[in-house]
Amino acid sequence: MSIRTLSAIRNAEELSISTVKDAKKEADRQVDQNRRQEEQKQLKKMEDTLLHKQDIMLEARKKADVHCSRLENENQSILEKYESPSESKVQEVVNLVVKRVLMYGN
């Protein structure tokens, strides 16, 4: 083989090695880019999930507060009813007690 042929073969080999290195670098770059994009997607999903969870918790808290207020109002109403009975109810109970005392004695 001539020196020219050997030189051409050597240049082709070097070019081939360089092309393979460049292709590997490009593949690594694309893999890294895809990995970063996937990480960003996952972070976005996690953020969306956390926001959704916060919305659900806020709505649940609002419902619980409304329910507690309703129960407190009902309890207050019942408490007032038994702490301050109407005059007619008091009179009715007094009359009943008087009747029983008169009927049965002490």
Protein backbone atom coordinates (compact mmCIF):
# COMPACT_ATOMS: atom_id res chain seq x y z
CA MET A 1 0.00 0.00 0.00
CA SER A 2 1.09 3.43 -0.70
CA ILE A 3 1.68 6.12 1.87
CA ARG A 4 -1.18 8.03 0.37
CA THR A 5 -3.56 5.10 0.90
CA LEU A 6 -2.31 4.54 4.43
CA SER A 7 -2.71 8.24 5.17
CA ALA A 8 -6.26 8.22 3.78
CA ILE A 9 -7.09 5.16 5.89
CA ARG A 10 -5.63 6.84 8.98
CA ASN A 11 -7.59 10.03 8.28
CA ALA A 12 -10.77 8.01 7.79
CA GLU A 13 -10.16 6.18 11.08
CA GLU A 14 -9.57 9.46 12.91
CA LEU A 15 -12.67 10.95 11.33
CA SER A 16 -14.63 7.84 12.31
CA ILE A 17 -13.35 8.03 15.90
CA SER A 18 -14.15 11.74 16.03
CA THR A 19 -17.64 11.13 14.64
CA VAL A 20 -18.26 8.40 17.22
CA LYS A 21 -17.08 10.71 20.03
CA ASP A 22 -19.32 13.51 18.76
CA ALA A 23 -22.26 11.11 18.48
CA LYS A 24 -21.64 9.89 22.03
CA LYS A 25 -21.47 13.48 23.32
CA GLU A 26 -24.74 14.30 21.52
CA ALA A 27 -26.41 11.17 22.90
CA ASP A 28 -25.23 12.05 26.42
CA ARG A 29 -26.54 15.61 25.97
CA GLN A 30 -29.93 14.35 24.79
CA VAL A 31 -30.16 11.83 27.63
CA ASP A 32 -29.31 14.57 30.13
CA GLN A 33 -31.83 16.92 28.55
CA ASN A 34 -34.54 14.23 28.64
CA ARG A 35 -33.72 13.48 32.27
CA ARG A 36 -34.01 17.16 33.21
CA GLN A 37 -37.30 17.46 31.33
CA GLU A 38 -38.66 14.39 33.11
CA GLU A 39 -37.55 15.77 36.47
CA GLN A 40 -39.31 19.05 35.68
CA LYS A 41 -42.48 17.17 34.74
CA GLN A 42 -42.34 15.21 37.99
CA LEU A 43 -41.79 18.39 40.02
CA LYS A 44 -44.72 20.04 38.26
CA LYS A 45 -46.92 17.02 39.02
CA MET A 46 -45.87 17.11 42.67
CA GLU A 47 -46.58 20.85 42.89
CA ASP A 48 -49.99 20.37 41.27
CA THR A 49 -50.74 17.50 43.65
CA LEU A 50 -49.76 19.59 46.67
CA LEU A 51 -51.91 22.49 45.48
CA HIS A 52 -54.83 20.13 44.94
CA LYS A 53 -54.30 18.66 48.41
CA GLN A 54 -54.26 22.16 49.91
CA ASP A 55 -57.50 23.00 48.10
CA ILE A 56 -59.13 19.82 49.40
CA MET A 57 -57.93 20.51 52.94
CA LEU A 58 -59.15 24.11 52.79
CA GLU A 59 -62.57 22.99 51.56
CA ALA A 60 -62.75 20.33 54.28
CA ARG A 61 -61.79 22.90 56.92
CA LYS A 62 -64.52 25.26 55.68
CA LYS A 63 -67.11 22.48 55.81
CA ALA A 64 -65.95 21.46 59.29
CA ASP A 65 -66.12 25.06 60.49
CA VAL A 66 -69.65 25.43 59.15
CA HIS A 67 -70.69 22.14 60.74
CA CYS A 68 -69.11 23.12 64.09
CA SER A 69 -70.84 26.50 64.02
CA ARG A 70 -74.15 24.82 63.35
CA LEU A 71 -73.61 22.39 66.22
CA GLU A 72 -72.56 25.19 68.57
CA ASN A 73 -75.71 27.14 67.67
CA GLU A 74 -77.86 24.07 68.26
CA ASN A 75 -76.14 23.41 71.58
CA GLN A 76 -76.59 27.03 72.63
CA SER A 77 -80.26 26.85 71.72
CA ILE A 78 -80.73 23.67 73.76
CA LEU A 79 -78.80 25.16 76.66
CA GLU A 80 -80.95 28.30 76.66
CA LYS A 81 -84.09 26.18 76.45
CA TYR A 82 -83.20 24.24 79.60
CA GLU A 83 -81.60 27.09 81.52
CA SER A 84 -84.46 29.49 80.85
CA PRO A 85 -87.67 27.50 80.48
CA SER A 86 -90.81 29.34 79.53
CA GLU A 87 -93.06 30.57 82.31
CA SER A 88 -95.89 28.30 81.19
CA LYS A 89 -93.66 25.22 81.47
CA VAL A 90 -92.52 26.23 84.94
CA GLN A 91 -96.14 26.81 86.01
CA GLU A 92 -97.13 23.44 84.57
CA VAL A 93 -94.42 21.63 86.55
CA VAL A 94 -95.27 23.51 89.76
CA ASN A 95 -98.94 22.59 89.35
CA LEU A 96 -98.03 18.96 88.78
CA VAL A 97 -95.84 18.88 91.91
CA VAL A 98 -98.57 20.56 93.99
CA LYS A 99 -101.17 18.05 92.75
CA ARG A 100 -98.98 15.12 93.66
CA VAL A 101 -98.18 16.50 97.08
CA LEU A 102 -101.87 17.09 97.73
CA MET A 103 -102.78 13.70 96.39
CA TYR A 104 -100.16 11.57 98.07
CA GLY A 105 -99.08 13.66 100.97
CA ASN A 106 -95.48 14.34 101.83
